[in-house]
PDB file of N, CA and C in Angstrom:
ATOM      1  N   MET A   1     107.991  88.804 104.849  1.00  0.00           N
ATOM      2  CA  MET A   1     108.602  89.871 104.811  1.00  0.00           C
ATOM      3  C   MET A   1     108.869  90.680 105.937  1.00  0.00           C
ATOM      4  N   ALA A   2     109.918  91.118 107.349  1.00  0.00           N
ATOM      5  CA  ALA A   2     110.013  90.715 108.079  1.00  0.00           C
ATOM      6  C   ALA A   2     110.288  92.481 108.076  1.00  0.00           C
ATOM      7  N   GLY A   3     110.341  93.380 108.741  1.00  0.00           N
ATOM      8  CA  GLY A   3     110.526  94.480 109.001  1.00  0.00           C
ATOM      9  C   GLY A   3     111.657  95.549 108.050  1.00  0.00           C
ATOM     10  N   GLY A   4     112.918  95.335 108.923  1.00  0.00           N
ATOM     11  CA  GLY A   4     113.756  95.087 108.242  1.00  0.00           C
ATOM     12  C   GLY A   4     114.103  94.734 107.188  1.00  0.00           C
ATOM     13  N   ASP A   5     113.960  94.159 106.339  1.00  0.00           N
ATOM     14  CA  ASP A   5     114.612  94.169 104.203  1.00  0.00           C
ATOM     15  C   ASP A   5     113.641  95.560 103.214  1.00  0.00           C
ATOM     16  N   VAL A   6     112.865  96.297 103.590  1.00  0.00           N
ATOM     17  CA  VAL A   6     112.587  97.103 103.089  1.00  0.00           C
ATOM     18  C   VAL A   6     112.834  98.529 103.532  1.00  0.00           C
ATOM     19  N   MET A   7     113.452  99.314 103.035  1.00  0.00           N
ATOM     20  CA  MET A   7     113.886 101.127 103.772  1.00  0.00           C
ATOM     21  C   MET A   7     113.201 101.988 102.707  1.00  0.00           C
ATOM     22  N   LEU A   8     112.562 102.850 102.645  1.00  0.00           N
ATOM     23  CA  LEU A   8     111.822 104.162 102.264  1.00  0.00           C
ATOM     24  C   LEU A   8     112.596 105.282 102.129  1.00  0.00           C
ATOM     25  N   ASP A   9     113.128 106.046 101.866  1.00  0.00           N
ATOM     26  CA  ASP A   9     113.306 107.254 102.665  1.00  0.00           C
ATOM     27  C   ASP A   9     112.350 108.015 101.393  1.00  0.00           C
ATOM     28  N   PRO A  10     112.194 108.944 100.945  1.00  0.00           N
ATOM     29  CA  PRO A  10     111.381 109.977 100.044  1.00  0.00           C
ATOM     30  C   PRO A  10     112.086 111.309 100.105  1.00  0.00           C
ATOM     31  N   LEU A  11     112.415 111.466 100.759  1.00  0.00           N
ATOM     32  CA  LEU A  11     114.099 111.992 100.264  1.00  0.00           C
ATOM     33  C   LEU A  11     115.568 111.915 101.508  1.00  0.00           C
ATOM     34  N   LEU A  12     116.097 111.588 100.431  1.00  0.00           N
ATOM     35  CA  LEU A  12     116.882 111.628 100.708  1.00  0.00           C
ATOM     36  C   LEU A  12     118.402 111.780 100.657  1.00  0.00           C
ATOM     37  N   ASN A  13     119.540 112.758 100.860  1.00  0.00           N
ATOM     38  CA  ASN A  13     120.836 113.135 100.518  1.00  0.00           C
ATOM     39  C   ASN A  13     122.289 111.967 100.571  1.00  0.00           C
ATOM     40  N   PRO A  14     122.876 113.160  99.407  1.00  0.00           N
ATOM     41  CA  PRO A  14     123.721 111.883  99.391  1.00  0.00           C
ATOM     42  C   PRO A  14     124.548 111.604 100.488  1.00  0.00           C
ATOM     43  N   TRP A  15     125.200 112.733 101.502  1.00  0.00           N
ATOM     44  CA  TRP A  15     125.579 112.420 102.174  1.00  0.00           C
ATOM     45  C   TRP A  15     124.279 111.036 103.666  1.00  0.00           C
ATOM     46  N   ASP A  16     123.453 110.742 103.057  1.00  0.00           N
ATOM     47  CA  ASP A  16     122.876 110.317 104.835  1.00  0.00           C
ATOM     48  C   ASP A  16     122.912 109.315 104.561  1.00  0.00           C
ATOM     49  N   ALA A  17     123.266 108.529 102.562  1.00  0.00           N
ATOM     50  CA  ALA A  17     123.662 107.140 102.888  1.00  0.00           C
ATOM     51  C   ALA A  17     124.750 106.336 101.840  1.00  0.00           C
ATOM     52  N   ALA A  18     125.263 107.872 101.495  1.00  0.00           N
ATOM     53  CA  ALA A  18     126.567 107.379 101.614  1.00  0.00           C
ATOM     54  C   ALA A  18     128.283 106.429 101.902  1.00  0.00           C
ATOM     55  N   ALA A  19     127.295 106.122 103.556  1.00  0.00           N
ATOM     56  CA  ALA A  19     128.301 104.823 104.193  1.00  0.00           C
ATOM     57  C   ALA A  19     127.540 103.684 104.168  1.00  0.00           C
ATOM     58  N   LEU A  20     126.230 104.440 103.879  1.00  0.00           N
ATOM     59  CA  LEU A  20     125.273 103.170 104.638  1.00  0.00           C
ATOM     60  C   LEU A  20     125.582 101.822 102.853  1.00  0.00           C
ATOM     61  N   VAL A  21     126.210 102.620 101.566  1.00  0.00           N
ATOM     62  CA  VAL A  21     125.571 101.872 100.689  1.00  0.00           C
ATOM     63  C   VAL A  21     126.515 100.524 100.389  1.00  0.00           C
ATOM     64  N   PRO A  22     127.622 100.718 101.145  1.00  0.00           N
ATOM     65  CA  PRO A  22     129.197  99.935 100.167  1.00  0.00           C
ATOM     66  C   PRO A  22     128.494  98.900 101.493  1.00  0.00           C
ATOM     67  N   ILE A  23     128.233  98.972 103.262  1.00  0.00           N
ATOM     68  CA  ILE A  23     127.673  97.698 103.578  1.00  0.00           C
ATOM     69  C   ILE A  23     126.834  97.452 103.401  1.00  0.00           C
ATOM     70  N   LEU A  24     125.250  97.865 103.373  1.00  0.00           N
ATOM     71  CA  LEU A  24     123.976  96.614 102.639  1.00  0.00           C
ATOM     72  C   LEU A  24     124.807  96.354 101.554  1.00  0.00           C
ATOM     73  N   ARG A  25     125.696  96.138 100.755  1.00  0.00           N
ATOM     74  CA  ARG A  25     126.437  96.595  99.354  1.00  0.00           C
ATOM     75  C   ARG A  25     126.410  94.361  99.681  1.00  0.00           C
ATOM     76  N   GLU A  26     128.549  94.838  99.750  1.00  0.00           N
ATOM     77  CA  GLU A  26     128.339  93.914 101.201  1.00  0.00           C
ATOM     78  C   GLU A  26     127.673  91.907 101.197  1.00  0.00           C
ATOM     79  N   ALA A  27     126.595  92.862 102.403  1.00  0.00           N
ATOM     80  CA  ALA A  27     126.187  92.281 103.018  1.00  0.00           C
ATOM     81  C   ALA A  27     125.159  91.748 101.714  1.00  0.00           C
ATOM     82  N   GLY A  28     125.067  91.176 100.956  1.00  0.00           N
ATOM     83  CA  GLY A  28     123.805  91.464  99.415  1.00  0.00           C
ATOM     84  C   GLY A  28     122.521  91.771  99.484  1.00  0.00           C
ATOM     85  N   GLY A  29     122.853  93.341 100.256  1.00  0.00           N
ATOM     86  CA  GLY A  29     120.917  93.397  99.907  1.00  0.00           C
ATOM     87  C   GLY A  29     121.465  95.094  98.312  1.00  0.00           C
ATOM     88  N   GLN A  30     120.396  95.670  97.940  1.00  0.00           N
ATOM     89  CA  GLN A  30     120.667  97.038  97.128  1.00  0.00           C
ATOM     90  C   GLN A  30     120.098  97.939  97.288  1.00  0.00           C
ATOM     91  N   PHE A  31     120.827  98.423  96.970  1.00  0.00           N
ATOM     92  CA  PHE A  31     119.877  99.952  97.382  1.00  0.00           C
ATOM     93  C   PHE A  31     120.249 101.235  95.505  1.00  0.00           C
ATOM     94  N   PHE A  32     119.007 101.452  95.671  1.00  0.00           N
ATOM     95  CA  PHE A  32     118.165 102.635  94.150  1.00  0.00           C
ATOM     96  C   PHE A  32     117.273 103.823  94.506  1.00  0.00           C
ATOM     97  N   ASP A  33     117.460 103.833  94.255  1.00  0.00           N
ATOM     98  CA  ASP A  33     115.838 104.895  93.807  1.00  0.00           C
ATOM     99  C   ASP A  33     114.927 105.040  93.093  1.00  0.00           C
ATOM    100  N   TRP A  34     113.975 105.489  93.280  1.00  0.00           N
ATOM    101  CA  TRP A  34     112.780 105.283  93.156  1.00  0.00           C
ATOM    102  C   TRP A  34     112.229 105.042  91.588  1.00  0.00           C
ATOM    103  N   THR A  35     113.523 105.730  90.941  1.00  0.00           N
ATOM    104  CA  THR A  35     113.303 104.793  89.530  1.00  0.00           C
ATOM    105  C   THR A  35     113.900 103.835  89.276  1.00  0.00           C
ATOM    106  N   GLY A  36     114.883 102.999  90.108  1.00  0.00           N
ATOM    107  CA  GLY A  36     115.469 101.548  89.736  1.00  0.00           C
ATOM    108  C   GLY A  36     116.887 102.010  89.888  1.00  0.00           C
ATOM    109  N   THR A  37     117.520 102.910  90.205  1.00  0.00           N
ATOM    110  CA  THR A  37     118.469 103.712  89.521  1.00  0.00           C
ATOM    111  C   THR A  37     119.816 102.687  90.028  1.00  0.00           C
ATOM    112  N   ASP A  38     119.523 102.276  90.596  1.00  0.00           N
ATOM    113  CA  ASP A  38     121.134 103.018  91.817  1.00  0.00           C
ATOM    114  C   ASP A  38     122.413 103.893  92.214  1.00  0.00           C
ATOM    115  N   THR A  39     121.294 104.916  93.304  1.00  0.00           N
ATOM    116  CA  THR A  39     122.501 105.766  92.865  1.00  0.00           C
ATOM    117  C   THR A  39     122.082 105.875  94.336  1.00  0.00           C
ATOM    118  N   ILE A  40     123.185 107.620  95.150  1.00  0.00           N
ATOM    119  CA  ILE A  40     122.958 107.797  95.938  1.00  0.00           C
ATOM    120  C   ILE A  40     122.722 109.230  96.197  1.00  0.00           C
ATOM    121  N   HIS A  41     122.180 110.053  94.349  1.00  0.00           N
ATOM    122  CA  HIS A  41     121.917 110.963  94.118  1.00  0.00           C
ATOM    123  C   HIS A  41     120.625 111.363  93.618  1.00  0.00           C
ATOM    124  N   GLY A  42     119.859 109.841  94.158  1.00  0.00           N
ATOM    125  CA  GLY A  42     118.052 110.379  93.566  1.00  0.00           C
ATOM    126  C   GLY A  42     116.531 110.808  94.038  1.00  0.00           C
ATOM    127  N   GLY A  43     117.369 112.080  95.139  1.00  0.00           N
ATOM    128  CA  GLY A  43     117.388 112.555  96.380  1.00  0.00           C
ATOM    129  C   GLY A  43     116.058 111.570  96.838  1.00  0.00           C
ATOM    130  N   ASN A  44     115.575 110.564  96.381  1.00  0.00           N
ATOM    131  CA  ASN A  44     115.469 110.100  98.026  1.00  0.00           C
ATOM    132  C   ASN A  44     116.072 108.073  97.152  1.00  0.00           C
ATOM    133  N   GLY A  45     115.408 107.072  98.084  1.00  0.00           N
ATOM    134  CA  GLY A  45     116.781 105.924  98.649  1.00  0.00           C
ATOM    135  C   GLY A  45     115.205 105.063  98.159  1.00  0.00           C
ATOM    136  N   ILE A  46     115.738 103.616  98.242  1.00  0.00           N
ATOM    137  CA  ILE A  46     114.993 102.267  98.526  1.00  0.00           C
ATOM    138  C   ILE A  46     116.238 101.161  98.692  1.00  0.00           C
ATOM    139  N   SER A  47     116.438 100.328 100.162  1.00  0.00           N
ATOM    140  CA  SER A  47     116.013  99.254 100.277  1.00  0.00           C
ATOM    141  C   SER A  47     115.693  98.680 100.573  1.00  0.00           C
ATOM    142  N   THR A  48     116.568  97.345  99.551  1.00  0.00           N
ATOM    143  CA  THR A  48     116.548  95.818 100.179  1.00  0.00           C
ATOM    144  C   THR A  48     116.864  94.653 100.532  1.00  0.00           C
ATOM    145  N   ASN A  49     116.145  93.917 100.918  1.00  0.00           N
ATOM    146  CA  ASN A  49     117.630  92.992 100.827  1.00  0.00           C
ATOM    147  C   ASN A  49     118.511  91.477 100.491  1.00  0.00           C
ATOM    148  N   GLY A  50     118.038  92.110  99.310  1.00  0.00           N
ATOM    149  CA  GLY A  50     118.370  91.975  97.896  1.00  0.00           C
ATOM    150  C   GLY A  50     118.029  91.135  96.890  1.00  0.00           C
ATOM    151  N   ARG A  51     117.112  90.118  97.523  1.00  0.00           N
ATOM    152  CA  ARG A  51     115.616  89.505  97.097  1.00  0.00           C
ATOM    153  C   ARG A  51     114.620  90.151  96.356  1.00  0.00           C
ATOM    154  N   LEU A  52     114.588  91.737  97.637  1.00  0.00           N
ATOM    155  CA  LEU A  52     112.622  92.221  97.304  1.00  0.00           C
ATOM    156  C   LEU A  52     112.941  93.439  95.825  1.00  0.00           C
ATOM    157  N   LYS A  53     114.079  93.433  95.333  1.00  0.00           N
ATOM    158  CA  LYS A  53     114.059  94.390  94.525  1.00  0.00           C
ATOM    159  C   LYS A  53     113.264  94.707  93.574  1.00  0.00           C
ATOM    160  N   LYS A  54     112.778  93.951  92.538  1.00  0.00           N
ATOM    161  CA  LYS A  54     111.996  93.531  91.048  1.00  0.00           C
ATOM    162  C   LYS A  54     110.175  93.400  92.434  1.00  0.00           C
ATOM    163  N   ALA A  55     109.410  92.832  93.071  1.00  0.00           N
ATOM    164  CA  ALA A  55     108.270  92.978  93.810  1.00  0.00           C
ATOM    165  C   ALA A  55     108.357  94.159  94.655  1.00  0.00           C
ATOM    166  N   VAL A  56     109.404  95.086  95.040  1.00  0.00           N
ATOM    167  CA  VAL A  56     109.152  96.305  96.072  1.00  0.00           C
ATOM    168  C   VAL A  56     108.992  97.351  94.125  1.00  0.00           C
ATOM    169  N   GLN A  57     109.954  97.865  93.621  1.00  0.00           N
ATOM    170  CA  GLN A  57     109.669  97.595  92.360  1.00  0.00           C
ATOM    171  C   GLN A  57     107.882  97.750  91.450  1.00  0.00           C
ATOM    172  N   ALA A  58     108.258  96.616  91.900  1.00  0.00           N
ATOM    173  CA  ALA A  58     106.640  96.946  90.945  1.00  0.00           C
ATOM    174  C   ALA A  58     104.725  97.106  91.837  1.00  0.00           C
ATOM    175  N   ILE A  59     106.025  96.849  93.158  1.00  0.00           N
ATOM    176  CA  ILE A  59     104.654  97.608  93.537  1.00  0.00           C
ATOM    177  C   ILE A  59     104.497  99.610  93.864  1.00  0.00           C
ATOM    178  N   LEU A  60     105.671  99.803  93.974  1.00  0.00           N
ATOM    179  CA  LEU A  60     105.875 101.082  93.512  1.00  0.00           C
ATOM    180  C   LEU A  60     105.996 101.399  92.475  1.00  0.00           C
TER     181      LEU A  60
END
């Protein structure tokens, strides 16, 4: 896993991620909060390269 495959932000405002999410998803990535919900309104955020979502959730 390279350094750019996972991003964690424990304190995230919706406006911090709103522009990123469509670009990330079009590139095959995933964005979700710490509960695994696909939302920018969770107060935190995680993005992965798409294939790592389940692995990252298992670690958290």
